[in-house]
C-alpha atoms as a PDB file:
ATOM      1  CA  MET A   1      15.763 -14.756  63.359  1.00  0.00           C
ATOM      2  CA  PRO A   2      15.248 -10.834  63.216  1.00  0.00           C
ATOM      3  CA  ALA A   3      14.497  -9.496  59.258  1.00  0.00           C
ATOM      4  CA  ILE A   4      17.025  -7.617  57.402  1.00  0.00           C
ATOM      5  CA  SER A   5      16.396  -3.802  57.115  1.00  0.00           C
ATOM      6  CA  ARG A   6      16.672  -2.328  53.543  1.00  0.00           C
ATOM      7  CA  PRO A   7      19.084   0.579  53.310  1.00  0.00           C
ATOM      8  CA  THR A   8      17.783   3.598  53.095  1.00  0.00           C
ATOM      9  CA  SER A   9      18.778   7.622  51.789  1.00  0.00           C
ATOM     10  CA  LYS A  10      19.319   8.292  55.740  1.00  0.00           C
ATOM     11  CA  ASP A  11      21.958   5.615  55.749  1.00  0.00           C
ATOM     12  CA  VAL A  12      23.608   6.700  52.992  1.00  0.00           C
ATOM     13  CA  ALA A  13      23.261  10.014  53.853  1.00  0.00           C
ATOM     14  CA  GLN A  14      25.169   9.456  57.058  1.00  0.00           C
ATOM     15  CA  GLU A  15      27.892   7.083  55.031  1.00  0.00           C
ATOM     16  CA  ALA A  16      28.644   9.589  52.943  1.00  0.00           C
ATOM     17  CA  GLY A  17      28.127  12.407  55.464  1.00  0.00           C
ATOM     18  CA  VAL A  18      25.943  14.472  53.592  1.00  0.00           C
ATOM     19  CA  SER A  19      22.579  15.559  54.059  1.00  0.00           C
ATOM     20  CA  GLN A  20      19.569  13.630  52.807  1.00  0.00           C
ATOM     21  CA  SER A  21      18.747  15.947  50.567  1.00  0.00           C
ATOM     22  CA  THR A  22      22.058  15.855  48.556  1.00  0.00           C
ATOM     23  CA  VAL A  23      21.621  12.001  48.309  1.00  0.00           C
ATOM     24  CA  SER A  24      18.267  12.692  46.761  1.00  0.00           C
ATOM     25  CA  LEU A  25      19.867  15.054  44.035  1.00  0.00           C
ATOM     26  CA  VAL A  26      22.912  13.003  43.172  1.00  0.00           C
ATOM     27  CA  LEU A  27      20.967   9.246  42.788  1.00  0.00           C
ATOM     28  CA  GLY A  28      18.163  11.372  41.150  1.00  0.00           C
ATOM     29  CA  GLY A  29      20.702  13.159  38.378  1.00  0.00           C
ATOM     30  CA  LYS A  30      20.070  16.436  39.489  1.00  0.00           C
ATOM     31  CA  TRP A  31      23.166  17.067  41.485  1.00  0.00           C
ATOM     32  CA  SER A  32      25.156  19.241  38.413  1.00  0.00           C
ATOM     33  CA  GLY A  33      25.834  22.767  39.352  1.00  0.00           C
ATOM     34  CA  ARG A  34      24.354  21.783  42.686  1.00  0.00           C
ATOM     35  CA  VAL A  35      26.929  19.438  44.310  1.00  0.00           C
ATOM     36  CA  SER A  36      30.508  18.995  43.638  1.00  0.00           C
ATOM     37  CA  PRO A  37      31.907  16.052  41.497  1.00  0.00           C
ATOM     38  CA  ALA A  38      33.557  14.739  44.552  1.00  0.00           C
ATOM     39  CA  THR A  39      30.581  15.003  46.731  1.00  0.00           C
ATOM     40  CA  ALA A  40      28.735  13.245  43.954  1.00  0.00           C
ATOM     41  CA  ARG A  41      31.062  10.279  43.516  1.00  0.00           C
ATOM     42  CA  SER A  42      31.168   9.905  47.264  1.00  0.00           C
ATOM     43  CA  VAL A  43      27.502   9.617  47.551  1.00  0.00           C
ATOM     44  CA  ARG A  44      27.436   7.272  44.913  1.00  0.00           C
ATOM     45  CA  SER A  45      29.986   5.138  46.357  1.00  0.00           C
ATOM     46  CA  ALA A  46      28.511   5.225  49.970  1.00  0.00           C
ATOM     47  CA  ALA A  47      25.329   3.797  47.744  1.00  0.00           C
ATOM     48  CA  GLU A  48      26.892   0.945  46.226  1.00  0.00           C
ATOM     49  CA  ARG A  49      28.730  -0.178  49.596  1.00  0.00           C
ATOM     50  CA  LEU A  50      25.540  -0.523  51.197  1.00  0.00           C
ATOM     51  CA  GLY A  51      23.465  -1.924  48.763  1.00  0.00           C
ATOM     52  CA  TYR A  52      20.800   0.749  48.333  1.00  0.00           C
ATOM     53  CA  ARG A  53      18.406   1.300  45.775  1.00  0.00           C
ATOM     54  CA  PRO A  54      16.154   4.366  45.314  1.00  0.00           C
ATOM     55  CA  ASN A  55      12.339   3.293  45.838  1.00  0.00           C
ATOM     56  CA  GLN A  56      11.300   4.123  42.564  1.00  0.00           C
ATOM     57  CA  ALA A  57       7.516   3.860  43.134  1.00  0.00           C
ATOM     58  CA  ALA A  58       7.474   6.247  45.849  1.00  0.00           C
ATOM     59  CA  ARG A  59      10.041   8.589  43.434  1.00  0.00           C
ATOM     60  CA  ASN A  60       7.180   8.217  41.163  1.00  0.00           C
ATOM     61  CA  LEU A  61       4.219   9.434  43.082  1.00  0.00           C
ATOM     62  CA  ARG A  62       6.747  12.309  44.257  1.00  0.00           C
ATOM     63  CA  LEU A  63       6.948  13.360  40.280  1.00  0.00           C
ATOM     64  CA  GLY A  64       3.096  12.818  39.750  1.00  0.00           C
ATOM     65  CA  THR A  65       3.756   9.837  37.490  1.00  0.00           C
ATOM     66  CA  THR A  66       3.656   6.029  37.545  1.00  0.00           C
ATOM     67  CA  ARG A  67       6.259   5.374  34.698  1.00  0.00           C
ATOM     68  CA  THR A  68       4.180   2.765  33.135  1.00  0.00           C
ATOM     69  CA  VAL A  69       2.890   2.308  29.057  1.00  0.00           C
ATOM     70  CA  LEU A  70      -0.343   0.381  28.694  1.00  0.00           C
ATOM     71  CA  LEU A  71       0.076  -1.812  25.029  1.00  0.00           C
ATOM     72  CA  MET A  72      -3.287  -2.624  24.275  1.00  0.00           C
ATOM     73  CA  VAL A  73      -3.342  -5.911  21.899  1.00  0.00           C
ATOM     74  CA  PRO A  74      -6.167  -7.569  20.026  1.00  0.00           C
ATOM     75  CA  THR A  75      -5.180 -11.024  21.481  1.00  0.00           C
ATOM     76  CA  LEU A  76      -2.488 -12.571  23.561  1.00  0.00           C
ATOM     77  CA  SER A  77      -2.555 -15.800  21.680  1.00  0.00           C
ATOM     78  CA  ALA A  78      -1.538 -14.399  18.291  1.00  0.00           C
ATOM     79  CA  PRO A  79       2.412 -14.840  17.766  1.00  0.00           C
ATOM     80  CA  PHE A  80       2.565 -11.948  16.029  1.00  0.00           C
ATOM     81  CA  PHE A  81       2.167  -9.860  19.165  1.00  0.00           C
ATOM     82  CA  GLY A  82       4.843 -10.739  21.185  1.00  0.00           C
ATOM     83  CA  PRO A  83       7.746  -9.253  19.564  1.00  0.00           C
ATOM     84  CA  VAL A  84       5.917  -6.227  19.562  1.00  0.00           C
ATOM     85  CA  TYR A  85       5.577  -6.098  23.694  1.00  0.00           C
ATOM     86  CA  THR A  86       9.460  -7.083  23.281  1.00  0.00           C
ATOM     87  CA  GLY A  87      10.510  -4.008  21.218  1.00  0.00           C
ATOM     88  CA  ALA A  88       8.163  -1.885  23.170  1.00  0.00           C
ATOM     89  CA  ALA A  89       9.603  -3.060  26.652  1.00  0.00           C
ATOM     90  CA  ARG A  90      13.156  -2.458  25.362  1.00  0.00           C
ATOM     91  CA  VAL A  91      12.779   0.759  24.676  1.00  0.00           C
ATOM     92  CA  ALA A  92      10.821   1.376  27.619  1.00  0.00           C
ATOM     93  CA  SER A  93      12.993   0.112  29.789  1.00  0.00           C
ATOM     94  CA  ARG A  94      15.941   2.187  28.722  1.00  0.00           C
ATOM     95  CA  HIS A  95      13.767   5.241  29.920  1.00  0.00           C
ATOM     96  CA  GLY A  96      12.986   3.722  33.375  1.00  0.00           C
ATOM     97  CA  PHE A  97       9.672   3.019  32.033  1.00  0.00           C
ATOM     98  CA  GLY A  98       7.536  -0.419  32.603  1.00  0.00           C
ATOM     99  CA  VAL A  99       4.936  -2.189  29.932  1.00  0.00           C
ATOM    100  CA  VAL A 100       2.162  -3.620  31.096  1.00  0.00           C
ATOM    101  CA  VAL A 101      -0.048  -5.327  28.298  1.00  0.00           C
ATOM    102  CA  SER A 102      -4.025  -5.446  27.783  1.00  0.00           C
ATOM    103  CA  THR A 103      -6.244  -7.125  25.400  1.00  0.00           C
ATOM    104  CA  TRP A 104      -8.942  -5.656  23.525  1.00  0.00           C
ATOM    105  CA  PRO A 105     -12.023  -7.186  22.051  1.00  0.00           C
ATOM    106  CA  ASP A 106     -12.188  -8.102  18.275  1.00  0.00           C
ATOM    107  CA  ASP A 107     -15.355  -6.565  18.277  1.00  0.00           C
ATOM    108  CA  ALA A 108     -14.570  -3.361  19.883  1.00  0.00           C
ATOM    109  CA  ALA A 109     -17.232  -0.981  18.794  1.00  0.00           C
ATOM    110  CA  GLY A 110     -17.753   0.666  22.078  1.00  0.00           C
ATOM    111  CA  PRO A 111     -14.873   2.313  24.526  1.00  0.00           C
ATOM    112  CA  ALA A 112     -11.892  -0.066  25.535  1.00  0.00           C
ATOM    113  CA  ASP A 113     -12.205  -1.519  28.676  1.00  0.00           C
ATOM    114  CA  SER A 114      -9.509   0.036  31.245  1.00  0.00           C
ATOM    115  CA  PRO A 115      -7.711  -2.780  33.144  1.00  0.00           C
ATOM    116  CA  PHE A 116      -7.454   0.415  35.952  1.00  0.00           C
ATOM    117  CA  ALA A 117      -9.681   1.636  38.221  1.00  0.00           C
ATOM    118  CA  ALA A 118      -8.770   5.425  37.155  1.00  0.00           C
ATOM    119  CA  PRO A 119      -6.885   4.452  33.709  1.00  0.00           C
ATOM    120  CA  ASP A 120      -5.878   8.410  33.104  1.00  0.00           C
ATOM    121  CA  GLU A 121      -3.858   8.710  36.271  1.00  0.00           C
ATOM    122  CA  ALA A 122      -2.468   4.641  36.227  1.00  0.00           C
ATOM    123  CA  ILE A 123      -0.612   5.094  33.195  1.00  0.00           C
ATOM    124  CA  ASP A 124       1.383   7.524  31.365  1.00  0.00           C
ATOM    125  CA  GLY A 125       1.043   6.474  27.817  1.00  0.00           C
ATOM    126  CA  ILE A 126      -0.422   3.915  25.287  1.00  0.00           C
ATOM    127  CA  LEU A 127       0.207   1.992  22.341  1.00  0.00           C
ATOM    128  CA  ALA A 128      -2.634   1.315  20.716  1.00  0.00           C
ATOM    129  CA  THR A 129      -2.257  -1.743  18.294  1.00  0.00           C
ATOM    130  CA  ALA A 130      -4.658  -2.803  15.271  1.00  0.00           C
ATOM    131  CA  MET A 131      -7.623  -0.543  17.065  1.00  0.00           C
ATOM    132  CA  SER A 132      -9.461   2.834  16.024  1.00  0.00           C
ATOM    133  CA  VAL A 133      -8.410   5.582  17.944  1.00  0.00           C
ATOM    134  CA  GLU A 134     -12.636   5.926  19.054  1.00  0.00           C
ATOM    135  CA  THR A 135     -12.237   2.904  21.141  1.00  0.00           C
ATOM    136  CA  LEU A 136     -10.134   4.867  23.356  1.00  0.00           C
ATOM    137  CA  ARG A 137     -12.407   7.041  24.752  1.00  0.00           C
ATOM    138  CA  GLU A 138     -11.926   6.294  28.321  1.00  0.00           C
ATOM    139  CA  PHE A 139      -8.665   7.311  27.856  1.00  0.00           C
ATOM    140  CA  ARG A 140      -9.232  10.787  26.947  1.00  0.00           C
ATOM    141  CA  GLU A 141      -6.688  12.468  28.932  1.00  0.00           C
ATOM    142  CA  THR A 142      -4.130   9.864  28.152  1.00  0.00           C
ATOM    143  CA  PRO A 143      -1.239  10.367  25.005  1.00  0.00           C
ATOM    144  CA  VAL A 144      -1.621   7.969  22.962  1.00  0.00           C
ATOM    145  CA  VAL A 145       0.281   6.200  19.817  1.00  0.00           C
ATOM    146  CA  MET A 146      -1.511   4.090  17.239  1.00  0.00           C
ATOM    147  CA  LEU A 147       0.683   1.079  15.982  1.00  0.00           C
ATOM    148  CA  ASP A 148      -0.593  -0.843  12.901  1.00  0.00           C
ATOM    149  CA  SER A 149      -4.161   1.086  12.901  1.00  0.00           C
ATOM    150  CA  GLY A 150      -3.868   3.765  10.141  1.00  0.00           C
ATOM    151  CA  PRO A 151      -3.789   7.604   9.890  1.00  0.00           C
ATOM    152  CA  ALA A 152      -5.340   8.006  13.075  1.00  0.00           C
ATOM    153  CA  GLY A 153      -6.669  11.205  14.520  1.00  0.00           C
ATOM    154  CA  ARG A 154      -8.569  12.929  17.211  1.00  0.00           C
ATOM    155  CA  PRO A 155     -10.191  15.972  17.073  1.00  0.00           C
ATOM    156  CA  GLY A 156      -8.737  18.812  17.794  1.00  0.00           C
ATOM    157  CA  ALA A 157      -5.575  16.869  18.700  1.00  0.00           C
ATOM    158  CA  PRO A 158      -3.774  14.200  15.942  1.00  0.00           C
ATOM    159  CA  VAL A 159      -2.488  11.211  17.582  1.00  0.00           C
ATOM    160  CA  PRO A 160       0.884   9.716  16.181  1.00  0.00           C
ATOM    161  CA  THR A 161       1.195   6.708  13.810  1.00  0.00           C
ATOM    162  CA  VAL A 162       3.407   4.256  13.329  1.00  0.00           C
ATOM    163  CA  ASP A 163       2.488   2.092  10.766  1.00  0.00           C
ATOM    164  CA  PHE A 164       3.371  -0.890   8.507  1.00  0.00           C
ATOM    165  CA  GLY A 165       3.725  -0.784   4.923  1.00  0.00           C
ATOM    166  CA  VAL A 166       1.105  -3.547   3.938  1.00  0.00           C
ATOM    167  CA  ALA A 167      -0.389  -1.915   0.756  1.00  0.00           C
ATOM    168  CA  GLU A 168       3.293  -2.352  -0.574  1.00  0.00           C
ATOM    169  CA  GLY A 169       3.762  -5.377   0.753  1.00  0.00           C
ATOM    170  CA  MET A 170       0.382  -6.851  -0.871  1.00  0.00           C
ATOM    171  CA  ARG A 171       1.256  -5.324  -3.942  1.00  0.00           C
ATOM    172  CA  ALA A 172       4.883  -7.250  -3.929  1.00  0.00           C
ATOM    173  CA  ILE A 173       2.933 -10.166  -3.602  1.00  0.00           C
ATOM    174  CA  ALA A 174       0.665  -9.828  -6.599  1.00  0.00           C
ATOM    175  CA  ALA A 175       3.647  -8.895  -8.686  1.00  0.00           C
ATOM    176  CA  HIS A 176       5.393 -12.154  -7.865  1.00  0.00           C
ATOM    177  CA  LEU A 177       2.335 -14.422  -9.161  1.00  0.00           C
ATOM    178  CA  ALA A 178       1.727 -12.280 -12.047  1.00  0.00           C
ATOM    179  CA  GLU A 179       5.840 -12.847 -12.877  1.00  0.00           C
ATOM    180  CA  LEU A 180       5.053 -16.729 -12.288  1.00  0.00           C
ATOM    181  CA  GLY A 181       2.058 -16.496 -14.696  1.00  0.00           C
ATOM    182  CA  HIS A 182      -0.985 -16.619 -12.127  1.00  0.00           C
ATOM    183  CA  ARG A 183      -4.322 -15.021 -13.461  1.00  0.00           C
ATOM    184  CA  ARG A 184      -6.715 -16.094 -11.715  1.00  0.00           C
ATOM    185  CA  ILE A 185      -6.187 -15.085  -7.619  1.00  0.00           C
ATOM    186  CA  GLY A 186      -7.884 -16.333  -4.783  1.00  0.00           C
ATOM    187  CA  HIS A 187      -8.213 -13.900  -1.706  1.00  0.00           C
ATOM    188  CA  VAL A 188      -8.188 -15.749   1.568  1.00  0.00           C
ATOM    189  CA  ALA A 189      -9.148 -12.656   3.676  1.00  0.00           C
ATOM    190  CA  ALA A 190      -9.419 -11.996   7.196  1.00  0.00           C
ATOM    191  CA  ALA A 191     -12.953 -11.571   8.363  1.00  0.00           C
ATOM    192  CA  VAL A 192     -11.703  -8.467  10.607  1.00  0.00           C
ATOM    193  CA  ASP A 193     -12.750  -4.964  10.681  1.00  0.00           C
ATOM    194  CA  GLN A 194      -9.220  -3.408  11.027  1.00  0.00           C
ATOM    195  CA  TRP A 195      -7.528  -0.628   9.037  1.00  0.00           C
ATOM    196  CA  THR A 196      -4.505  -3.509   8.228  1.00  0.00           C
ATOM    197  CA  PHE A 197      -6.891  -5.900   6.491  1.00  0.00           C
ATOM    198  CA  HIS A 198      -9.070  -3.095   4.421  1.00  0.00           C
ATOM    199  CA  THR A 199      -5.008  -1.854   3.149  1.00  0.00           C
ATOM    200  CA  ARG A 200      -4.598  -5.304   2.271  1.00  0.00           C
ATOM    201  CA  ALA A 201      -7.576  -6.060   0.448  1.00  0.00           C
ATOM    202  CA  ASP A 202      -7.618  -2.864  -1.377  1.00  0.00           C
ATOM    203  CA  ALA A 203      -4.397  -3.030  -2.641  1.00  0.00           C
ATOM    204  CA  LEU A 204      -4.767  -6.694  -3.692  1.00  0.00           C
ATOM    205  CA  ALA A 205      -7.740  -5.873  -5.679  1.00  0.00           C
ATOM    206  CA  GLY A 206      -6.023  -2.911  -7.603  1.00  0.00           C
ATOM    207  CA  ALA A 207      -2.966  -4.899  -8.292  1.00  0.00           C
ATOM    208  CA  VAL A 208      -5.175  -7.906 -10.084  1.00  0.00           C
ATOM    209  CA  ALA A 209      -7.115  -4.989 -11.530  1.00  0.00           C
ATOM    210  CA  ASP A 210      -4.600  -3.710 -13.488  1.00  0.00           C
ATOM    211  CA  LEU A 211      -3.405  -7.177 -14.277  1.00  0.00           C
ATOM    212  CA  PRO A 212      -4.434  -8.611 -18.110  1.00  0.00           C
ATOM    213  CA  GLY A 213      -6.673 -11.154 -17.505  1.00  0.00           C
ATOM    214  CA  GLY A 214      -6.732 -10.765 -13.837  1.00  0.00           C
ATOM    215  CA  VAL A 215      -9.570 -12.375 -11.862  1.00  0.00           C
ATOM    216  CA  LEU A 216      -9.992 -12.135  -7.994  1.00  0.00           C
ATOM    217  CA  THR A 217     -12.420 -14.097  -6.350  1.00  0.00           C
ATOM    218  CA  ARG A 218     -12.764 -13.723  -2.017  1.00  0.00           C
ATOM    219  CA  ASP A 219     -13.856 -15.479   0.769  1.00  0.00           C
ATOM    220  CA  ALA A 220     -13.386 -14.629   4.369  1.00  0.00           C
ATOM    221  CA  CYS A 221     -12.538 -15.999   7.095  1.00  0.00           C
ATOM    222  CA  ALA A 222     -11.467 -15.793  11.246  1.00  0.00           C
ATOM    223  CA  ILE A 223      -7.766 -15.423  11.752  1.00  0.00           C
ATOM    224  CA  ASP A 224      -7.380 -19.300  12.501  1.00  0.00           C
ATOM    225  CA  VAL A 225      -6.665 -22.538  10.737  1.00  0.00           C
ATOM    226  CA  ALA A 226     -10.253 -24.317  10.899  1.00  0.00           C
ATOM    227  CA  SER A 227     -12.271 -21.275   9.683  1.00  0.00           C
ATOM    228  CA  ALA A 228      -9.021 -20.420   7.160  1.00  0.00           C
ATOM    229  CA  LYS A 229      -9.299 -24.370   5.877  1.00  0.00           C
ATOM    230  CA  GLY A 230     -12.739 -23.898   4.970  1.00  0.00           C
ATOM    231  CA  ALA A 231     -12.549 -20.045   3.187  1.00  0.00           C
ATOM    232  CA  ALA A 232      -9.898 -21.842   0.831  1.00  0.00           C
ATOM    233  CA  THR A 233     -12.024 -25.100   0.109  1.00  0.00           C
ATOM    234  CA  ARG A 234     -14.648 -22.916  -1.182  1.00  0.00           C
ATOM    235  CA  LEU A 235     -12.270 -20.895  -2.995  1.00  0.00           C
ATOM    236  CA  LEU A 236     -10.990 -24.176  -4.438  1.00  0.00           C
ATOM    237  CA  THR A 237     -14.217 -25.936  -4.925  1.00  0.00           C
ATOM    238  CA  ALA A 238     -15.631 -22.895  -7.021  1.00  0.00           C
ATOM    239  CA  PRO A 239     -15.909 -23.145 -10.540  1.00  0.00           C
ATOM    240  CA  ASP A 240     -12.895 -22.034 -12.546  1.00  0.00           C
ATOM    241  CA  PRO A 241     -10.907 -22.047  -8.726  1.00  0.00           C
ATOM    242  CA  PRO A 242      -7.897 -19.649  -8.259  1.00  0.00           C
ATOM    243  CA  THR A 243      -4.740 -20.881  -9.301  1.00  0.00           C
ATOM    244  CA  ALA A 244      -2.861 -19.021  -6.475  1.00  0.00           C
ATOM    245  CA  LEU A 245      -4.159 -18.267  -2.971  1.00  0.00           C
ATOM    246  CA  VAL A 246      -3.244 -15.221  -1.121  1.00  0.00           C
ATOM    247  CA  CYS A 247      -3.862 -15.057   2.665  1.00  0.00           C
ATOM    248  CA  ASP A 248      -4.059 -12.103   5.082  1.00  0.00           C
ATOM    249  CA  ASP A 249      -1.901 -14.187   7.575  1.00  0.00           C
ATOM    250  CA  ASP A 250       0.351 -16.879   7.973  1.00  0.00           C
ATOM    251  CA  GLN A 251      -1.641 -18.710  10.051  1.00  0.00           C
ATOM    252  CA  ILE A 252      -4.374 -18.612   7.601  1.00  0.00           C
ATOM    253  CA  ALA A 253      -1.703 -19.769   4.983  1.00  0.00           C
ATOM    254  CA  ALA A 254      -1.556 -23.206   7.117  1.00  0.00           C
ATOM    255  CA  GLY A 255      -5.429 -23.360   6.864  1.00  0.00           C
ATOM    256  CA  ALA A 256      -5.143 -22.861   3.001  1.00  0.00           C
ATOM    257  CA  TYR A 257      -2.200 -25.479   2.805  1.00  0.00           C
ATOM    258  CA  LYS A 258      -4.752 -27.743   4.889  1.00  0.00           C
ATOM    259  CA  ALA A 259      -7.767 -27.299   2.256  1.00  0.00           C
ATOM    260  CA  ALA A 260      -4.990 -28.112  -0.395  1.00  0.00           C
ATOM    261  CA  ARG A 261      -4.272 -31.169   1.204  1.00  0.00           C
ATOM    262  CA  ALA A 262      -7.850 -32.404   1.778  1.00  0.00           C
ATOM    263  CA  LEU A 263      -8.792 -31.666  -1.946  1.00  0.00           C
ATOM    264  CA  GLY A 264      -5.490 -33.802  -3.358  1.00  0.00           C
ATOM    265  CA  LEU A 265      -3.994 -30.813  -4.502  1.00  0.00           C
ATOM    266  CA  ASP A 266      -0.058 -30.352  -3.982  1.00  0.00           C
ATOM    267  CA  VAL A 267       1.029 -26.848  -2.894  1.00  0.00           C
ATOM    268  CA  PRO A 268       2.549 -25.314  -5.174  1.00  0.00           C
ATOM    269  CA  SER A 269       2.369 -27.259  -7.932  1.00  0.00           C
ATOM    270  CA  ASP A 270      -1.318 -26.977  -7.973  1.00  0.00           C
ATOM    271  CA  VAL A 271      -2.016 -24.321  -6.210  1.00  0.00           C
ATOM    272  CA  SER A 272       0.377 -21.507  -5.082  1.00  0.00           C
ATOM    273  CA  VAL A 273       0.297 -19.875  -1.528  1.00  0.00           C
ATOM    274  CA  THR A 274       1.321 -16.788   0.175  1.00  0.00           C
ATOM    275  CA  GLY A 275       1.155 -15.535   3.692  1.00  0.00           C
ATOM    276  CA  PHE A 276       1.491 -12.386   5.732  1.00  0.00           C
ATOM    277  CA  ASP A 277       3.544 -11.290   8.552  1.00  0.00           C
ATOM    278  CA  ASP A 278       6.180 -14.097   8.820  1.00  0.00           C
ATOM    279  CA  VAL A 279       6.067 -15.393  12.275  1.00  0.00           C
ATOM    280  CA  LEU A 280       7.871 -18.704  12.983  1.00  0.00           C
ATOM    281  CA  LEU A 281       4.818 -20.844  11.470  1.00  0.00           C
ATOM    282  CA  ALA A 282       5.733 -19.944   7.983  1.00  0.00           C
ATOM    283  CA  THR A 283       9.219 -21.735   8.600  1.00  0.00           C
ATOM    284  CA  ALA A 284       7.337 -24.998   9.835  1.00  0.00           C
ATOM    285  CA  LEU A 285       5.142 -24.920   7.371  1.00  0.00           C
ATOM    286  CA  GLU A 286       6.236 -27.561   4.157  1.00  0.00           C
ATOM    287  CA  PRO A 287       7.061 -26.141   1.586  1.00  0.00           C
ATOM    288  CA  GLU A 288       8.308 -23.071   3.596  1.00  0.00           C
ATOM    289  CA  LEU A 289       5.775 -19.990   3.259  1.00  0.00           C
ATOM    290  CA  THR A 290       6.257 -17.102   0.321  1.00  0.00           C
ATOM    291  CA  THR A 291       5.026 -14.011   2.510  1.00  0.00           C
ATOM    292  CA  VAL A 292       6.109 -10.707   3.927  1.00  0.00           C
ATOM    293  CA  ARG A 293       7.935 -10.051   6.709  1.00  0.00           C
ATOM    294  CA  LEU A 294       6.614  -7.263   9.035  1.00  0.00           C
ATOM    295  CA  PRO A 295       9.363  -6.107  11.440  1.00  0.00           C
ATOM    296  CA  ALA A 296       6.835  -6.324  14.702  1.00  0.00           C
ATOM    297  CA  GLU A 297       9.823  -5.842  17.203  1.00  0.00           C
ATOM    298  CA  GLU A 298      10.436  -2.998  15.666  1.00  0.00           C
ATOM    299  CA  LEU A 299       6.607  -1.762  15.621  1.00  0.00           C
ATOM    300  CA  GLY A 300       6.843  -1.817  19.454  1.00  0.00           C
ATOM    301  CA  ALA A 301      10.469   0.055  19.474  1.00  0.00           C
ATOM    302  CA  GLN A 302       9.248   2.669  17.149  1.00  0.00           C
ATOM    303  CA  GLY A 303       6.085   3.328  18.867  1.00  0.00           C
ATOM    304  CA  MET A 304       7.667   3.264  22.458  1.00  0.00           C
ATOM    305  CA  ALA A 305       9.945   6.256  21.071  1.00  0.00           C
ATOM    306  CA  ALA A 306       6.751   7.921  19.338  1.00  0.00           C
ATOM    307  CA  LEU A 307       5.150   7.903  22.570  1.00  0.00           C
ATOM    308  CA  LEU A 308       8.372   9.063  24.439  1.00  0.00           C
ATOM    309  CA  GLU A 309       8.987  12.225  21.992  1.00  0.00           C
ATOM    310  CA  LEU A 310       4.687  12.927  22.898  1.00  0.00           C
ATOM    311  CA  LEU A 311       5.242  12.748  26.727  1.00  0.00           C
ATOM    312  CA  ASP A 312       8.348  15.121  26.562  1.00  0.00           C
ATOM    313  CA  GLY A 313       5.959  17.611  24.856  1.00  0.00           C
ATOM    314  CA  ARG A 314       7.288  16.975  21.135  1.00  0.00           C
ATOM    315  CA  SER A 315       4.923  16.096  18.116  1.00  0.00           C
ATOM    316  CA  PRO A 316       6.342  12.625  16.602  1.00  0.00           C
ATOM    317  CA  ALA A 317       5.923  12.383  12.704  1.00  0.00           C
ATOM    318  CA  PRO A 318       4.110   9.508  11.206  1.00  0.00           C
ATOM    319  CA  ARG A 319       6.445   6.726  11.004  1.00  0.00           C
ATOM    320  CA  VAL A 320       5.658   3.867   7.828  1.00  0.00           C
ATOM    321  CA  LEU A 321       8.008   0.324   8.413  1.00  0.00           C
ATOM    322  CA  PRO A 322       8.099  -1.626   5.220  1.00  0.00           C
ATOM    323  CA  GLY A 323       7.941  -4.932   4.898  1.00  0.00           C
ATOM    324  CA  GLU A 324      10.294  -7.537   2.952  1.00  0.00           C
ATOM    325  CA  PHE A 325       8.767  -9.527   0.286  1.00  0.00           C
ATOM    326  CA  VAL A 326      10.398 -13.148   0.926  1.00  0.00           C
ATOM    327  CA  VAL A 327       9.880 -16.171  -1.212  1.00  0.00           C
ATOM    328  CA  ARG A 328      10.036 -19.675  -0.482  1.00  0.00           C
ATOM    329  CA  GLY A 329       8.962 -22.857  -1.595  1.00  0.00           C
ATOM    330  CA  SER A 330       4.869 -21.953  -1.616  1.00  0.00           C
ATOM    331  CA  THR A 331       5.188 -20.357  -4.941  1.00  0.00           C
ATOM    332  CA  ALA A 332       5.347 -21.562  -8.489  1.00  0.00           C
ATOM    333  CA  PRO A 333       4.107 -21.048 -11.970  1.00  0.00           C
ATOM    334  CA  PRO A 334       0.570 -22.419 -12.657  1.00  0.00           C
ATOM    335  CA  ARG A 335      -0.122 -26.006 -14.447  1.00  0.00           C
ATOM    336  CA  PRO A 336      -0.759 -25.546 -17.950  1.00  0.00           C
ATOM    337  CA  ARG A 337      -4.498 -25.476 -18.756  1.00  0.00           C
END
């Protein structure tokens, strides 16, 4: 059976009784003032009858653009980054852009590796999540928006940023625990050299320092349940242990739950536990986790909106997205000593 050929712009031109250049103007959205509305309607009608779809790849080559954005994330296994992609892709698709995802290593002290042979030519822009601008030296000619990476800049050219209000979120946790009566706070901290975790640690330390009688202890771990269990166990078995564990991430909080249970402690009667992010795991835990909800999908959407402004020659202002403190069943007043 012979292959069925796809209709071309030449077929549309013949069907509508116009030139191919007129078809290009109309279907490219550049006909206003150059083609009559009646002719434009005729071309669109002919294209619809024939089932013609413009070759976007060829059009992009003519325009000198790929209409592709690279979203760089630390890992694909963490549930937090799926919604970031969803938000970015939603906004990108409305403007004819696609989004591809690449990971960068947690210890990226040097330049980030590119998934492309010629990075500055293969993509139009970058959304870089939770990383420093110094790691993007390979993409020096590519427009960049930094997500959840803190105030950033490139010598001679500021880099637009979209961040979470993580300091305010951590202060809300500290205030909640203080109101319940906790004074001995344990911080199960993510051992990751990123702005967001440094900011959380500083905000918690400041809040506890301002609390009369407040004592803060800290142990660091990887962002996984087993490592977090070890760190939480060390805190809970130390002399004069904390009555509340503040965890940098909901997965870390799950490890804190396991540590408490292994030690015969009840959450929250014997030890309160809080998380950060509010991924689906937070409501799968029992009791459900008190945490800070970060709008991950909105981070991707706002980041893509800022990148589109940058590509349009504008200078997007820094954006800060507030978190929402969510109280659930994992926090309660401490037991009387």
